[in-house]
Amino acid sequence: MAVFVIENEYLQATVNENGAELVSLVKKATGENYMGGNDARYWNRVSPVLFPFVGKVNKKAYRYDGTEYTGIPQHGFARDSVFALKEENGDSVRFELTPNELFAGNYPFDFVLEIGYKLKGNVLTVSWNVKNNGDGPMYFSIGAHPAFRCPAPGTADTSMDGYAIDLHNGSDTLVSGTLNADGTLTDEVRTFPMENGRLMLSDEIFARDALVVDSADIKKASLVAPDGSTYLEVEFDTPLLGLWSPAGKHAPFLCIEPWYGRCDREGYTGTLEEREYGNVLEKGAEFEAAYTISVL
């Protein structure tokens, strides 16, 4: 698959046409890559785009307009689709996806999904644009799943112990939903202690899969090293945030995931229109959103 490189005086980013996936983000002054993943020991992805579903639909099936659609993979089809290059400049690149064989028979909507990457200074902006080209309303979710190095690149650290994620909300607790073995949301709620909005990281936090967090009061997440220095920030404006590192694998990365949508609740049997946190576009309408990654 073709890859595309964009850069400026501070950063160099590489994006794969497969999934329009960001696969590296290098600080040019040090040559260090701040993205994690892409390692069969832990996870073979780096930053997949989640569309038209975030997480799993219950029993891999959903119902719409009197039809049941089955065999729906976790996080949808976009991450395994080849995107077309729409625009390329020295510091930016943009890709486009329209319905293909992966969507055929599984997603009855006519859409255009555009994913853009643009560098400015020490910041990478990732933008999403969804267009409904169909004759009726379109239902979808979209989200990000970027893996960031933790411990920090260029350090001798071998564990995320001592590292923290600062959610900048001043809270003393973080409340998370809990996923079951099938990847759907249970009624169990877990609460983790924080100190002034900072959650201390450890492998144990992710022993039961991802944290699923209401992010109404969270607009920025920063990775903080044991010495108190912040080395990476992600800013977003989404209703939900996922935090994940592979359970039991001692993986050297943390995924910070802004989501417009999430998995089904355990046992969900409702329709696509009734899914919690789903998004709807009327005929001819567009959805636009973005998040940023800052390398400090």
C-alpha atoms as a PDB file:
ATOM      1  CA  MET A   1       0.000   0.000   0.000  1.00  0.00           C
ATOM      2  CA  ALA A   2       1.141   3.532  -0.722  1.00  0.00           C
ATOM      3  CA  VAL A   3       2.171   5.806   2.112  1.00  0.00           C
ATOM      4  CA  PHE A   4       2.286   9.591   2.068  1.00  0.00           C
ATOM      5  CA  VAL A   5       4.683  11.780   4.038  1.00  0.00           C
ATOM      6  CA  ILE A   6       3.922  15.328   5.151  1.00  0.00           C
ATOM      7  CA  GLU A   7       6.279  17.527   7.123  1.00  0.00           C
ATOM      8  CA  ASN A   8       7.230  20.966   8.361  1.00  0.00           C
ATOM      9  CA  GLU A   9      10.180  22.290  10.329  1.00  0.00           C
ATOM     10  CA  TYR A  10       9.072  20.480  13.510  1.00  0.00           C
ATOM     11  CA  LEU A  11       7.255  17.269  12.592  1.00  0.00           C
ATOM     12  CA  GLN A  12       7.040  14.566   9.955  1.00  0.00           C
ATOM     13  CA  ALA A  13       3.884  12.444   9.662  1.00  0.00           C
ATOM     14  CA  THR A  14       3.333   9.325   7.568  1.00  0.00           C
ATOM     15  CA  VAL A  15      -0.149   8.207   6.513  1.00  0.00           C
ATOM     16  CA  ASN A  16      -1.076   4.915   4.824  1.00  0.00           C
ATOM     17  CA  GLU A  17      -3.717   4.923   2.091  1.00  0.00           C
ATOM     18  CA  ASN A  18      -5.057   1.727   3.701  1.00  0.00           C
ATOM     19  CA  GLY A  19      -7.505   3.073   6.264  1.00  0.00           C
ATOM     20  CA  ALA A  20      -6.111   6.599   5.793  1.00  0.00           C
ATOM     21  CA  GLU A  21      -4.211   5.615   8.940  1.00  0.00           C
ATOM     22  CA  LEU A  22      -1.588   7.774  10.610  1.00  0.00           C
ATOM     23  CA  VAL A  23       1.332   5.383  11.124  1.00  0.00           C
ATOM     24  CA  SER A  24       4.096   7.663  12.421  1.00  0.00           C
ATOM     25  CA  LEU A  25       4.558  11.133  13.899  1.00  0.00           C
ATOM     26  CA  VAL A  26       8.228  12.013  14.253  1.00  0.00           C
ATOM     27  CA  LYS A  27       9.733  14.953  16.116  1.00  0.00           C
ATOM     28  CA  LYS A  28      12.426  16.029  13.673  1.00  0.00           C
ATOM     29  CA  ALA A  29      14.747  17.499  16.316  1.00  0.00           C
ATOM     30  CA  THR A  30      15.158  14.079  17.969  1.00  0.00           C
ATOM     31  CA  GLY A  31      14.074  11.611  15.264  1.00  0.00           C
ATOM     32  CA  GLU A  32      11.718   9.987  17.769  1.00  0.00           C
ATOM     33  CA  ASN A  33       8.339   8.568  16.696  1.00  0.00           C
ATOM     34  CA  TYR A  34       5.527   9.406  19.131  1.00  0.00           C
ATOM     35  CA  MET A  35       3.051   6.866  17.732  1.00  0.00           C
ATOM     36  CA  GLY A  36       2.825   3.361  19.203  1.00  0.00           C
ATOM     37  CA  GLY A  37       1.384   0.049  18.053  1.00  0.00           C
ATOM     38  CA  ASN A  38       2.250  -1.655  14.756  1.00  0.00           C
ATOM     39  CA  ASP A  39       3.839  -4.535  16.660  1.00  0.00           C
ATOM     40  CA  ALA A  40       2.415  -8.057  16.462  1.00  0.00           C
ATOM     41  CA  ARG A  41       3.329  -8.651  20.111  1.00  0.00           C
ATOM     42  CA  TYR A  42       0.774  -6.071  21.190  1.00  0.00           C
ATOM     43  CA  TRP A  43      -1.409  -4.655  18.397  1.00  0.00           C
ATOM     44  CA  ASN A  44      -0.933  -4.527  14.629  1.00  0.00           C
ATOM     45  CA  ARG A  45      -2.502  -1.106  14.139  1.00  0.00           C
ATOM     46  CA  VAL A  46      -1.395   2.431  14.982  1.00  0.00           C
ATOM     47  CA  SER A  47      -4.281   4.878  14.530  1.00  0.00           C
ATOM     48  CA  PRO A  48      -7.289   3.361  12.758  1.00  0.00           C
ATOM     49  CA  VAL A  49     -10.293   5.479  11.786  1.00  0.00           C
ATOM     50  CA  LEU A  50     -13.477   4.027  13.285  1.00  0.00           C
ATOM     51  CA  PHE A  51     -16.423   4.291  10.865  1.00  0.00           C
ATOM     52  CA  PRO A  52     -19.348   3.763  10.499  1.00  0.00           C
ATOM     53  CA  PHE A  53     -19.306   2.135  13.946  1.00  0.00           C
ATOM     54  CA  VAL A  54     -17.265   2.716  17.073  1.00  0.00           C
ATOM     55  CA  GLY A  55     -16.787  -0.499  19.028  1.00  0.00           C
ATOM     56  CA  LYS A  56     -19.014  -3.507  18.563  1.00  0.00           C
ATOM     57  CA  VAL A  57     -22.674  -3.852  17.682  1.00  0.00           C
ATOM     58  CA  ASN A  58     -24.340  -6.528  19.806  1.00  0.00           C
ATOM     59  CA  LYS A  59     -23.860 -10.024  18.332  1.00  0.00           C
ATOM     60  CA  LYS A  60     -22.267  -8.338  15.271  1.00  0.00           C
ATOM     61  CA  ALA A  61     -25.718  -7.373  13.988  1.00  0.00           C
ATOM     62  CA  TYR A  62     -27.927  -4.303  13.742  1.00  0.00           C
ATOM     63  CA  ARG A  63     -31.435  -3.598  12.443  1.00  0.00           C
ATOM     64  CA  TYR A  64     -32.503  -0.836  10.075  1.00  0.00           C
ATOM     65  CA  ASP A  65     -35.651  -0.269   8.017  1.00  0.00           C
ATOM     66  CA  GLY A  66     -36.924  -3.808   8.598  1.00  0.00           C
ATOM     67  CA  THR A  67     -33.643  -5.541   7.670  1.00  0.00           C
ATOM     68  CA  GLU A  68     -31.067  -7.153   9.931  1.00  0.00           C
ATOM     69  CA  TYR A  69     -27.448  -6.666   8.864  1.00  0.00           C
ATOM     70  CA  THR A  70     -25.052  -9.291  10.206  1.00  0.00           C
ATOM     71  CA  GLY A  71     -21.338  -9.999  10.395  1.00  0.00           C
ATOM     72  CA  ILE A  72     -20.479  -6.409  11.308  1.00  0.00           C
ATOM     73  CA  PRO A  73     -16.836  -6.163  12.447  1.00  0.00           C
ATOM     74  CA  GLN A  74     -15.688  -4.168  15.444  1.00  0.00           C
ATOM     75  CA  HIS A  75     -15.191  -0.486  14.560  1.00  0.00           C
ATOM     76  CA  GLY A  76     -16.733  -0.867  11.104  1.00  0.00           C
ATOM     77  CA  PHE A  77     -15.189  -1.085   7.653  1.00  0.00           C
ATOM     78  CA  ALA A  78     -13.198   2.091   7.018  1.00  0.00           C
ATOM     79  CA  ARG A  79     -10.047   0.952   8.816  1.00  0.00           C
ATOM     80  CA  ASP A  80      -9.690  -1.938   6.329  1.00  0.00           C
ATOM     81  CA  SER A  81     -10.561   0.075   3.208  1.00  0.00           C
ATOM     82  CA  VAL A  82      -8.187   1.667   0.719  1.00  0.00           C
ATOM     83  CA  PHE A  83      -8.836   5.407   0.546  1.00  0.00           C
ATOM     84  CA  ALA A  84      -8.308   7.505  -2.566  1.00  0.00           C
ATOM     85  CA  LEU A  85      -5.871  10.401  -2.413  1.00  0.00           C
ATOM     86  CA  LYS A  86      -7.824  13.622  -2.840  1.00  0.00           C
ATOM     87  CA  GLU A  87      -5.223  16.309  -2.157  1.00  0.00           C
ATOM     88  CA  GLU A  88      -1.546  16.396  -1.222  1.00  0.00           C
ATOM     89  CA  ASN A  89       0.644  19.338  -0.243  1.00  0.00           C
ATOM     90  CA  GLY A  90       3.945  19.517   1.566  1.00  0.00           C
ATOM     91  CA  ASP A  91       2.398  19.815   5.019  1.00  0.00           C
ATOM     92  CA  SER A  92      -1.057  18.298   4.454  1.00  0.00           C
ATOM     93  CA  VAL A  93      -2.820  15.374   2.825  1.00  0.00           C
ATOM     94  CA  ARG A  94      -6.469  14.450   2.368  1.00  0.00           C
ATOM     95  CA  PHE A  95      -8.146  11.148   1.516  1.00  0.00           C
ATOM     96  CA  GLU A  96     -11.612  10.095   0.385  1.00  0.00           C
ATOM     97  CA  LEU A  97     -13.659   6.932   0.838  1.00  0.00           C
ATOM     98  CA  THR A  98     -16.948   5.989  -0.822  1.00  0.00           C
ATOM     99  CA  PRO A  99     -18.915   2.730  -0.418  1.00  0.00           C
ATOM    100  CA  ASN A 100     -16.927  -0.316  -1.513  1.00  0.00           C
ATOM    101  CA  GLU A 101     -17.155  -4.120  -1.364  1.00  0.00           C
ATOM    102  CA  LEU A 102     -16.631  -4.123   2.413  1.00  0.00           C
ATOM    103  CA  PHE A 103     -19.722  -1.967   2.881  1.00  0.00           C
ATOM    104  CA  ALA A 104     -21.871  -3.702   0.257  1.00  0.00           C
ATOM    105  CA  GLY A 105     -24.704  -5.603   1.885  1.00  0.00           C
ATOM    106  CA  ASN A 106     -23.664  -4.383   5.349  1.00  0.00           C
ATOM    107  CA  TYR A 107     -24.300  -0.639   5.343  1.00  0.00           C
ATOM    108  CA  PRO A 108     -27.175   0.677   3.198  1.00  0.00           C
ATOM    109  CA  PHE A 109     -26.117   4.331   2.916  1.00  0.00           C
ATOM    110  CA  ASP A 110     -24.441   6.356   0.170  1.00  0.00           C
ATOM    111  CA  PHE A 111     -21.696   8.453   1.751  1.00  0.00           C
ATOM    112  CA  VAL A 112     -18.395  10.211   1.225  1.00  0.00           C
ATOM    113  CA  LEU A 113     -15.889  10.089   4.099  1.00  0.00           C
ATOM    114  CA  GLU A 114     -12.918  12.463   3.953  1.00  0.00           C
ATOM    115  CA  ILE A 115      -9.959  12.209   6.329  1.00  0.00           C
ATOM    116  CA  GLY A 116      -7.415  15.034   6.419  1.00  0.00           C
ATOM    117  CA  TYR A 117      -4.046  15.562   8.113  1.00  0.00           C
ATOM    118  CA  LYS A 118      -2.386  18.985   8.389  1.00  0.00           C
ATOM    119  CA  LEU A 119       0.744  20.106  10.214  1.00  0.00           C
ATOM    120  CA  LYS A 120       1.210  23.552  11.716  1.00  0.00           C
ATOM    121  CA  GLY A 121       4.135  24.092  14.048  1.00  0.00           C
ATOM    122  CA  ASN A 122       4.225  21.274  16.582  1.00  0.00           C
ATOM    123  CA  VAL A 123       0.550  20.348  16.007  1.00  0.00           C
ATOM    124  CA  LEU A 124      -1.078  17.778  13.729  1.00  0.00           C
ATOM    125  CA  THR A 125      -4.760  18.370  13.012  1.00  0.00           C
ATOM    126  CA  VAL A 126      -6.821  15.327  12.032  1.00  0.00           C
ATOM    127  CA  SER A 127     -10.115  16.259  10.357  1.00  0.00           C
ATOM    128  CA  TRP A 128     -13.201  14.238   9.460  1.00  0.00           C
ATOM    129  CA  ASN A 129     -15.922  15.102   6.966  1.00  0.00           C
ATOM    130  CA  VAL A 130     -18.909  12.821   6.367  1.00  0.00           C
ATOM    131  CA  LYS A 131     -21.380  13.597   3.572  1.00  0.00           C
ATOM    132  CA  ASN A 132     -24.747  11.931   3.068  1.00  0.00           C
ATOM    133  CA  ASN A 133     -25.306  11.442  -0.668  1.00  0.00           C
ATOM    134  CA  GLY A 134     -28.330   9.218  -0.170  1.00  0.00           C
ATOM    135  CA  ASP A 135     -32.025   9.946  -0.536  1.00  0.00           C
ATOM    136  CA  GLY A 136     -32.866   9.644   3.166  1.00  0.00           C
ATOM    137  CA  PRO A 137     -31.300  10.033   6.611  1.00  0.00           C
ATOM    138  CA  MET A 138     -27.952   8.354   7.294  1.00  0.00           C
ATOM    139  CA  TYR A 139     -26.907   6.923  10.660  1.00  0.00           C
ATOM    140  CA  PHE A 140     -23.269   6.529  11.663  1.00  0.00           C
ATOM    141  CA  SER A 141     -20.601   6.793  14.341  1.00  0.00           C
ATOM    142  CA  ILE A 142     -17.009   7.940  13.923  1.00  0.00           C
ATOM    143  CA  GLY A 143     -13.991   7.946  16.169  1.00  0.00           C
ATOM    144  CA  ALA A 144     -10.221   7.876  16.485  1.00  0.00           C
ATOM    145  CA  HIS A 145      -8.003   5.150  17.970  1.00  0.00           C
ATOM    146  CA  PRO A 146      -4.446   6.592  18.005  1.00  0.00           C
ATOM    147  CA  ALA A 147      -1.751   4.815  20.025  1.00  0.00           C
ATOM    148  CA  PHE A 148       0.881   7.039  21.648  1.00  0.00           C
ATOM    149  CA  ARG A 149       4.198   5.991  23.093  1.00  0.00           C
ATOM    150  CA  CYS A 150       4.048   5.510  26.844  1.00  0.00           C
ATOM    151  CA  PRO A 151       6.703   5.420  28.275  1.00  0.00           C
ATOM    152  CA  ALA A 152       7.830   8.524  26.414  1.00  0.00           C
ATOM    153  CA  PRO A 153      10.093   8.080  23.390  1.00  0.00           C
ATOM    154  CA  GLY A 154      13.754   8.689  24.008  1.00  0.00           C
ATOM    155  CA  THR A 155      13.660   7.661  27.684  1.00  0.00           C
ATOM    156  CA  ALA A 156      15.078   4.624  29.432  1.00  0.00           C
ATOM    157  CA  ASP A 157      11.694   3.837  30.996  1.00  0.00           C
ATOM    158  CA  THR A 158      10.268   0.390  30.281  1.00  0.00           C
ATOM    159  CA  SER A 159       6.899   0.703  32.023  1.00  0.00           C
ATOM    160  CA  MET A 160       4.059   3.216  32.119  1.00  0.00           C
ATOM    161  CA  ASP A 161       4.183   3.036  35.925  1.00  0.00           C
ATOM    162  CA  GLY A 162       4.822   6.551  37.195  1.00  0.00           C
ATOM    163  CA  TYR A 163       3.256   8.104  34.106  1.00  0.00           C
ATOM    164  CA  ALA A 164      -0.065   9.929  34.229  1.00  0.00           C
ATOM    165  CA  ILE A 165      -2.746  11.207  31.901  1.00  0.00           C
ATOM    166  CA  ASP A 166      -3.996  14.687  32.729  1.00  0.00           C
ATOM    167  CA  LEU A 167      -7.617  15.240  31.684  1.00  0.00           C
ATOM    168  CA  HIS A 168      -7.604  18.902  32.720  1.00  0.00           C
ATOM    169  CA  ASN A 169     -10.965  18.793  34.495  1.00  0.00           C
ATOM    170  CA  GLY A 170      -9.769  19.122  38.088  1.00  0.00           C
ATOM    171  CA  SER A 171     -11.663  16.001  39.142  1.00  0.00           C
ATOM    172  CA  ASP A 172     -10.693  13.597  41.932  1.00  0.00           C
ATOM    173  CA  THR A 173     -12.300  10.603  40.205  1.00  0.00           C
ATOM    174  CA  LEU A 174     -12.685   9.150  36.731  1.00  0.00           C
ATOM    175  CA  VAL A 175     -15.892   7.219  36.061  1.00  0.00           C
ATOM    176  CA  SER A 176     -15.805   4.547  33.354  1.00  0.00           C
ATOM    177  CA  GLY A 177     -18.196   2.094  31.803  1.00  0.00           C
ATOM    178  CA  THR A 178     -17.146  -1.560  31.737  1.00  0.00           C
ATOM    179  CA  LEU A 179     -17.012  -3.833  28.692  1.00  0.00           C
ATOM    180  CA  ASN A 180     -17.847  -7.536  28.812  1.00  0.00           C
ATOM    181  CA  ALA A 181     -15.929 -10.309  27.059  1.00  0.00           C
ATOM    182  CA  ASP A 182     -17.968  -9.674  23.891  1.00  0.00           C
ATOM    183  CA  GLY A 183     -17.003  -5.999  23.789  1.00  0.00           C
ATOM    184  CA  THR A 184     -20.410  -4.548  24.665  1.00  0.00           C
ATOM    185  CA  LEU A 185     -21.148  -2.231  27.568  1.00  0.00           C
ATOM    186  CA  THR A 186     -22.402  -3.643  30.858  1.00  0.00           C
ATOM    187  CA  ASP A 187     -24.244  -1.791  33.618  1.00  0.00           C
ATOM    188  CA  GLU A 188     -21.156  -1.933  35.836  1.00  0.00           C
ATOM    189  CA  VAL A 189     -19.492   1.413  36.493  1.00  0.00           C
ATOM    190  CA  ARG A 190     -15.899   1.649  37.712  1.00  0.00           C
ATOM    191  CA  THR A 191     -14.391   4.632  39.502  1.00  0.00           C
ATOM    192  CA  PHE A 192     -10.671   5.400  39.469  1.00  0.00           C
ATOM    193  CA  PRO A 193      -8.965   7.892  41.792  1.00  0.00           C
ATOM    194  CA  MET A 194      -7.422  10.983  40.235  1.00  0.00           C
ATOM    195  CA  GLU A 195      -5.511  13.915  41.662  1.00  0.00           C
ATOM    196  CA  ASN A 196      -6.673  17.246  40.271  1.00  0.00           C
ATOM    197  CA  GLY A 197      -7.637  15.646  36.963  1.00  0.00           C
ATOM    198  CA  ARG A 198      -4.619  13.342  36.692  1.00  0.00           C
ATOM    199  CA  LEU A 199      -4.979   9.571  36.451  1.00  0.00           C
ATOM    200  CA  MET A 200      -1.882   7.559  37.331  1.00  0.00           C
ATOM    201  CA  LEU A 201      -1.309   4.920  34.657  1.00  0.00           C
ATOM    202  CA  SER A 202      -0.624   1.221  35.104  1.00  0.00           C
ATOM    203  CA  ASP A 203      -1.248  -2.032  33.272  1.00  0.00           C
ATOM    204  CA  GLU A 204      -3.851  -2.973  35.895  1.00  0.00           C
ATOM    205  CA  ILE A 205      -6.180  -0.134  34.864  1.00  0.00           C
ATOM    206  CA  PHE A 206      -6.708  -1.823  31.488  1.00  0.00           C
ATOM    207  CA  ALA A 207      -6.956  -5.402  32.747  1.00  0.00           C
ATOM    208  CA  ARG A 208     -10.673  -5.368  31.862  1.00  0.00           C
ATOM    209  CA  ASP A 209     -10.314  -3.730  28.447  1.00  0.00           C
ATOM    210  CA  ALA A 210     -10.854  -0.087  27.522  1.00  0.00           C
ATOM    211  CA  LEU A 211     -12.166   2.668  29.744  1.00  0.00           C
ATOM    212  CA  VAL A 212     -15.313   4.248  28.285  1.00  0.00           C
ATOM    213  CA  VAL A 213     -15.641   7.787  29.599  1.00  0.00           C
ATOM    214  CA  ASP A 214     -18.257  10.526  29.249  1.00  0.00           C
ATOM    215  CA  SER A 215     -16.098  13.419  28.076  1.00  0.00           C
ATOM    216  CA  ALA A 216     -18.553  16.295  28.440  1.00  0.00           C
ATOM    217  CA  ASP A 217     -16.061  18.015  30.776  1.00  0.00           C
ATOM    218  CA  ILE A 218     -12.891  16.689  29.104  1.00  0.00           C
ATOM    219  CA  LYS A 219     -11.501  18.541  26.098  1.00  0.00           C
ATOM    220  CA  LYS A 220      -7.789  17.789  26.410  1.00  0.00           C
ATOM    221  CA  ALA A 221      -5.697  14.799  27.470  1.00  0.00           C
ATOM    222  CA  SER A 222      -1.979  15.139  28.190  1.00  0.00           C
ATOM    223  CA  LEU A 223       0.629  12.447  28.762  1.00  0.00           C
ATOM    224  CA  VAL A 224       2.811  13.290  31.741  1.00  0.00           C
ATOM    225  CA  ALA A 225       6.189  11.698  32.480  1.00  0.00           C
ATOM    226  CA  PRO A 226       7.303  10.726  36.018  1.00  0.00           C
ATOM    227  CA  ASP A 227       9.316  13.960  36.287  1.00  0.00           C
ATOM    228  CA  GLY A 228       6.112  15.970  35.792  1.00  0.00           C
ATOM    229  CA  SER A 229       6.831  17.079  32.227  1.00  0.00           C
ATOM    230  CA  THR A 230       4.112  16.862  29.578  1.00  0.00           C
ATOM    231  CA  TYR A 231       5.324  15.406  26.288  1.00  0.00           C
ATOM    232  CA  LEU A 232       2.135  15.014  24.206  1.00  0.00           C
ATOM    233  CA  GLU A 233      -1.379  16.471  24.184  1.00  0.00           C
ATOM    234  CA  VAL A 234      -4.589  15.504  22.382  1.00  0.00           C
ATOM    235  CA  GLU A 235      -7.421  18.062  22.119  1.00  0.00           C
ATOM    236  CA  PHE A 236     -10.964  17.207  21.037  1.00  0.00           C
ATOM    237  CA  ASP A 237     -14.623  18.068  21.511  1.00  0.00           C
ATOM    238  CA  THR A 238     -16.399  14.711  21.565  1.00  0.00           C
ATOM    239  CA  PRO A 239     -19.106  13.293  23.823  1.00  0.00           C
ATOM    240  CA  LEU A 240     -17.034  10.200  24.634  1.00  0.00           C
ATOM    241  CA  LEU A 241     -13.416   9.275  25.252  1.00  0.00           C
ATOM    242  CA  GLY A 242     -11.844   5.841  25.159  1.00  0.00           C
ATOM    243  CA  LEU A 243      -8.585   4.974  26.940  1.00  0.00           C
ATOM    244  CA  TRP A 244      -6.934   1.643  26.121  1.00  0.00           C
ATOM    245  CA  SER A 245      -3.785  -0.400  26.303  1.00  0.00           C
ATOM    246  CA  PRO A 246      -3.860  -4.152  25.513  1.00  0.00           C
ATOM    247  CA  ALA A 247      -4.778  -6.129  28.610  1.00  0.00           C
ATOM    248  CA  GLY A 248      -2.003  -8.181  30.126  1.00  0.00           C
ATOM    249  CA  LYS A 249       0.593  -7.367  27.440  1.00  0.00           C
ATOM    250  CA  HIS A 250       2.663  -4.660  29.142  1.00  0.00           C
ATOM    251  CA  ALA A 251       2.390  -2.694  25.894  1.00  0.00           C
ATOM    252  CA  PRO A 252       4.512   0.483  25.559  1.00  0.00           C
ATOM    253  CA  PHE A 253       1.647   2.684  24.403  1.00  0.00           C
ATOM    254  CA  LEU A 254      -1.656   4.218  25.442  1.00  0.00           C
ATOM    255  CA  CYS A 255      -4.559   4.879  23.080  1.00  0.00           C
ATOM    256  CA  ILE A 256      -6.371   8.198  23.604  1.00  0.00           C
ATOM    257  CA  GLU A 257      -9.577   7.897  21.589  1.00  0.00           C
ATOM    258  CA  PRO A 258     -12.028  10.748  20.883  1.00  0.00           C
ATOM    259  CA  TRP A 259     -15.373   9.192  19.908  1.00  0.00           C
ATOM    260  CA  TYR A 260     -18.654  10.316  18.363  1.00  0.00           C
ATOM    261  CA  GLY A 261     -20.381   7.054  19.260  1.00  0.00           C
ATOM    262  CA  ARG A 262     -19.621   3.828  21.092  1.00  0.00           C
ATOM    263  CA  CYS A 263     -20.440   0.129  21.270  1.00  0.00           C
ATOM    264  CA  ASP A 264     -23.899  -1.244  22.010  1.00  0.00           C
ATOM    265  CA  ARG A 265     -25.062  -2.017  25.500  1.00  0.00           C
ATOM    266  CA  GLU A 266     -25.053  -5.655  26.521  1.00  0.00           C
ATOM    267  CA  GLY A 267     -28.108  -7.398  25.051  1.00  0.00           C
ATOM    268  CA  TYR A 268     -29.159  -4.460  22.858  1.00  0.00           C
ATOM    269  CA  THR A 269     -31.908  -5.390  20.388  1.00  0.00           C
ATOM    270  CA  GLY A 270     -33.077  -1.964  19.235  1.00  0.00           C
ATOM    271  CA  THR A 271     -32.693  -0.360  15.823  1.00  0.00           C
ATOM    272  CA  LEU A 272     -29.811   1.584  14.306  1.00  0.00           C
ATOM    273  CA  GLU A 273     -31.771   4.799  14.801  1.00  0.00           C
ATOM    274  CA  GLU A 274     -32.168   4.101  18.524  1.00  0.00           C
ATOM    275  CA  ARG A 275     -28.488   3.392  19.321  1.00  0.00           C
ATOM    276  CA  GLU A 276     -27.063   5.546  22.090  1.00  0.00           C
ATOM    277  CA  TYR A 277     -24.687   8.303  20.959  1.00  0.00           C
ATOM    278  CA  GLY A 278     -25.448   7.649  17.289  1.00  0.00           C
ATOM    279  CA  ASN A 279     -25.294  10.448  14.726  1.00  0.00           C
ATOM    280  CA  VAL A 280     -27.753  11.230  11.937  1.00  0.00           C
ATOM    281  CA  LEU A 281     -27.288  13.202   8.725  1.00  0.00           C
ATOM    282  CA  GLU A 282     -30.247  14.258   6.642  1.00  0.00           C
ATOM    283  CA  LYS A 283     -30.137  14.035   2.846  1.00  0.00           C
ATOM    284  CA  GLY A 284     -27.339  16.216   1.479  1.00  0.00           C
ATOM    285  CA  ALA A 285     -26.029  17.159   4.939  1.00  0.00           C
ATOM    286  CA  GLU A 286     -22.413  17.044   6.141  1.00  0.00           C
ATOM    287  CA  PHE A 287     -20.711  16.304   9.451  1.00  0.00           C
ATOM    288  CA  GLU A 288     -17.380  17.956  10.251  1.00  0.00           C
ATOM    289  CA  ALA A 289     -15.103  17.420  13.236  1.00  0.00           C
ATOM    290  CA  ALA A 290     -11.415  17.403  14.117  1.00  0.00           C
ATOM    291  CA  TYR A 291      -8.926  16.675  16.872  1.00  0.00           C
ATOM    292  CA  THR A 292      -5.308  17.719  17.334  1.00  0.00           C
ATOM    293  CA  ILE A 293      -2.097  16.056  18.477  1.00  0.00           C
ATOM    294  CA  SER A 294       0.622  18.305  19.907  1.00  0.00           C
ATOM    295  CA  VAL A 295       4.187  17.048  20.384  1.00  0.00           C
ATOM    296  CA  LEU A 296       5.835  19.076  23.114  1.00  0.00           C
END
